[in-house]
N, C-alpha and C. Protein backbone atom coordinates (compact mmCIF):
# COMPACT_ATOMS: atom_id res chain seq x y z
N UNK A 1 36.62 42.86 22.08
CA UNK A 1 37.61 42.08 21.35
C UNK A 1 37.95 40.84 22.15
N UNK A 2 37.90 39.70 21.58
CA UNK A 2 38.22 38.49 22.28
C UNK A 2 39.73 38.23 22.27
N UNK A 3 40.27 37.65 23.29
CA UNK A 3 41.69 37.31 23.33
C UNK A 3 41.91 35.96 22.68
N UNK A 4 42.97 35.81 21.96
CA UNK A 4 43.37 34.53 21.35
C UNK A 4 44.82 34.24 21.79
N UNK A 5 45.14 32.97 21.75
CA UNK A 5 46.48 32.52 22.13
C UNK A 5 47.26 32.28 20.87
N UNK A 6 48.49 32.82 20.85
CA UNK A 6 49.39 32.67 19.71
C UNK A 6 50.70 32.07 20.20
N UNK A 7 51.46 31.52 19.33
CA UNK A 7 52.77 30.93 19.64
C UNK A 7 53.87 31.99 19.51
N UNK A 8 54.89 31.87 20.33
CA UNK A 8 56.08 32.71 20.16
C UNK A 8 57.31 31.81 20.10
N UNK A 9 58.10 32.02 19.10
CA UNK A 9 59.34 31.31 18.92
C UNK A 9 60.47 32.29 19.21
N UNK A 10 61.36 32.00 20.19
CA UNK A 10 62.36 32.92 20.62
C UNK A 10 63.76 32.32 20.42
N UNK A 11 64.65 33.15 19.92
CA UNK A 11 66.05 32.75 19.81
C UNK A 11 66.93 33.96 20.09
N UNK A 12 68.16 33.72 20.43
CA UNK A 12 69.13 34.78 20.75
C UNK A 12 69.93 35.12 19.49
N UNK A 13 70.07 36.42 19.24
CA UNK A 13 70.78 36.80 18.01
C UNK A 13 71.60 38.10 18.33
N UNK A 14 72.87 37.97 18.34
CA UNK A 14 73.81 39.11 18.61
C UNK A 14 73.41 39.90 19.86
N UNK A 15 73.20 39.26 20.94
CA UNK A 15 72.91 39.94 22.21
C UNK A 15 71.50 40.32 22.46
N UNK A 16 70.61 40.09 21.52
CA UNK A 16 69.17 40.40 21.73
C UNK A 16 68.39 39.10 21.53
N UNK A 17 67.21 39.06 22.18
CA UNK A 17 66.30 37.94 21.92
C UNK A 17 65.35 38.37 20.85
N UNK A 18 65.12 37.49 19.86
CA UNK A 18 64.23 37.76 18.75
C UNK A 18 63.03 36.83 18.97
N UNK A 19 61.83 37.39 18.92
CA UNK A 19 60.61 36.60 19.07
C UNK A 19 59.78 36.72 17.78
N UNK A 20 59.28 35.59 17.27
CA UNK A 20 58.44 35.63 16.10
C UNK A 20 57.12 34.85 16.43
N UNK A 21 56.03 35.25 15.78
CA UNK A 21 54.75 34.60 15.87
C UNK A 21 54.49 33.88 14.55
N UNK A 22 54.60 32.55 14.45
CA UNK A 22 54.42 31.86 13.21
C UNK A 22 53.01 31.93 12.70
N UNK A 23 51.98 32.08 13.50
CA UNK A 23 50.62 32.14 12.97
C UNK A 23 50.35 33.40 12.20
N UNK A 24 51.00 34.50 12.57
CA UNK A 24 50.75 35.82 11.96
C UNK A 24 51.91 36.32 11.08
N UNK A 25 53.12 35.93 11.48
CA UNK A 25 54.33 36.38 10.80
C UNK A 25 54.96 37.64 11.37
N UNK A 26 54.50 38.03 12.59
CA UNK A 26 55.12 39.21 13.22
C UNK A 26 56.38 38.84 13.94
N UNK A 27 57.20 39.82 14.15
CA UNK A 27 58.51 39.63 14.88
C UNK A 27 58.84 40.86 15.67
N UNK A 28 59.63 40.59 16.71
CA UNK A 28 60.12 41.72 17.52
C UNK A 28 61.35 41.26 18.28
N UNK A 29 61.91 42.14 19.10
CA UNK A 29 63.13 41.79 19.79
C UNK A 29 63.13 42.51 21.15
N UNK A 30 64.09 42.06 22.03
CA UNK A 30 64.27 42.72 23.33
C UNK A 30 65.54 42.25 23.96
N UNK A 31 65.92 42.89 25.02
CA UNK A 31 67.10 42.52 25.77
C UNK A 31 66.92 41.33 26.64
N UNK A 32 65.67 41.04 26.99
CA UNK A 32 65.33 39.83 27.75
C UNK A 32 64.22 39.04 26.99
N UNK A 33 64.06 37.82 27.37
CA UNK A 33 63.01 37.00 26.78
C UNK A 33 61.65 37.69 27.02
N UNK A 34 61.45 38.12 28.27
CA UNK A 34 60.16 38.75 28.61
C UNK A 34 59.89 39.99 27.80
N UNK A 35 60.92 40.83 27.61
CA UNK A 35 60.81 42.03 26.80
C UNK A 35 60.52 41.71 25.35
N UNK A 36 61.18 40.70 24.85
CA UNK A 36 60.95 40.28 23.45
C UNK A 36 59.49 39.82 23.22
N UNK A 37 59.01 39.06 24.13
CA UNK A 37 57.63 38.61 24.06
C UNK A 37 56.63 39.67 24.21
N UNK A 38 56.85 40.62 25.13
CA UNK A 38 55.97 41.78 25.35
C UNK A 38 55.96 42.60 24.08
N UNK A 39 57.10 42.82 23.46
CA UNK A 39 57.16 43.59 22.24
C UNK A 39 56.48 42.84 21.10
N UNK A 40 56.62 41.54 21.05
CA UNK A 40 55.89 40.73 20.09
C UNK A 40 54.42 40.84 20.23
N UNK A 41 53.97 40.81 21.47
CA UNK A 41 52.50 40.93 21.74
C UNK A 41 51.99 42.23 21.20
N UNK A 42 52.69 43.30 21.50
CA UNK A 42 52.30 44.68 21.04
C UNK A 42 52.31 44.69 19.50
N UNK A 43 53.33 44.20 18.89
CA UNK A 43 53.45 44.19 17.40
C UNK A 43 52.31 43.33 16.78
N UNK A 44 52.01 42.25 17.41
CA UNK A 44 50.94 41.37 16.87
C UNK A 44 49.60 42.02 17.04
N UNK A 45 49.33 42.67 18.17
CA UNK A 45 48.02 43.37 18.37
C UNK A 45 47.87 44.50 17.38
N UNK A 46 48.95 45.27 17.10
CA UNK A 46 48.86 46.31 16.12
C UNK A 46 48.63 45.73 14.68
N UNK A 47 49.27 44.63 14.36
CA UNK A 47 49.09 44.00 13.07
C UNK A 47 47.67 43.53 12.87
N UNK A 48 47.09 42.90 13.98
CA UNK A 48 45.75 42.36 13.88
C UNK A 48 44.64 43.41 13.80
N UNK A 49 44.95 44.66 14.18
CA UNK A 49 44.01 45.74 13.96
C UNK A 49 43.69 45.96 12.50
N UNK A 50 44.68 45.78 11.69
CA UNK A 50 44.49 45.97 10.19
C UNK A 50 44.34 44.68 9.43
N UNK A 51 44.82 43.61 9.95
CA UNK A 51 44.76 42.35 9.21
C UNK A 51 44.26 41.23 10.14
N UNK A 52 43.00 41.12 10.40
CA UNK A 52 42.45 40.03 11.28
C UNK A 52 42.81 38.67 10.69
N UNK A 53 43.05 37.77 11.64
CA UNK A 53 43.43 36.45 11.26
C UNK A 53 42.19 35.53 11.44
N UNK A 54 41.88 34.69 10.42
CA UNK A 54 40.77 33.77 10.58
C UNK A 54 41.14 32.70 11.62
N UNK A 55 40.07 32.05 12.13
CA UNK A 55 40.34 30.96 13.08
C UNK A 55 41.11 29.86 12.35
N UNK A 56 42.19 29.46 13.00
CA UNK A 56 43.03 28.38 12.43
C UNK A 56 43.70 27.64 13.61
N UNK A 57 44.12 26.43 13.30
CA UNK A 57 44.75 25.63 14.32
C UNK A 57 46.14 26.21 14.60
N UNK A 58 46.67 25.91 15.78
CA UNK A 58 48.00 26.33 16.16
C UNK A 58 48.99 25.49 15.48
N UNK A 59 50.18 25.99 15.13
CA UNK A 59 51.20 25.19 14.48
C UNK A 59 51.75 24.12 15.43
N UNK A 60 52.20 23.10 14.85
CA UNK A 60 52.87 22.00 15.58
C UNK A 60 54.37 22.27 15.53
N UNK A 61 54.99 22.37 16.68
CA UNK A 61 56.43 22.65 16.75
C UNK A 61 57.11 21.41 17.30
N UNK A 62 58.17 21.05 16.61
CA UNK A 62 58.96 19.88 17.08
C UNK A 62 60.43 20.18 16.79
N UNK A 63 61.31 19.24 17.00
CA UNK A 63 62.79 19.39 16.70
C UNK A 63 63.24 18.24 15.86
N UNK A 64 64.34 18.36 15.22
CA UNK A 64 64.96 17.27 14.49
C UNK A 64 66.43 17.48 14.43
N UNK A 65 67.13 16.40 14.14
CA UNK A 65 68.58 16.42 14.09
C UNK A 65 69.05 16.47 12.64
N UNK A 66 70.18 17.14 12.40
CA UNK A 66 70.76 17.21 11.07
C UNK A 66 72.27 17.00 11.22
N UNK A 67 72.87 16.30 10.39
CA UNK A 67 74.34 16.12 10.41
C UNK A 67 74.98 17.37 9.94
N UNK A 68 75.97 17.88 10.66
CA UNK A 68 76.69 19.09 10.33
C UNK A 68 78.11 18.70 9.95
N UNK A 69 78.58 19.33 8.95
CA UNK A 69 79.96 19.08 8.50
C UNK A 69 80.96 19.78 9.35
């Protein structure tokens, strides 16, 4: 099995770090960023066993500003 590189988007939510993989749609959490990413890696590997992902480009991630009331 060949290794592929995926993106992880991490944010803090109620004391836990939540990590998501936008290419596959998997998500996980942990008490630290490292734990959240390790859990995401495991969840993604398990997901890919049943649902292989075709070759695709990585998402483009950027930021933007929005006016808040």
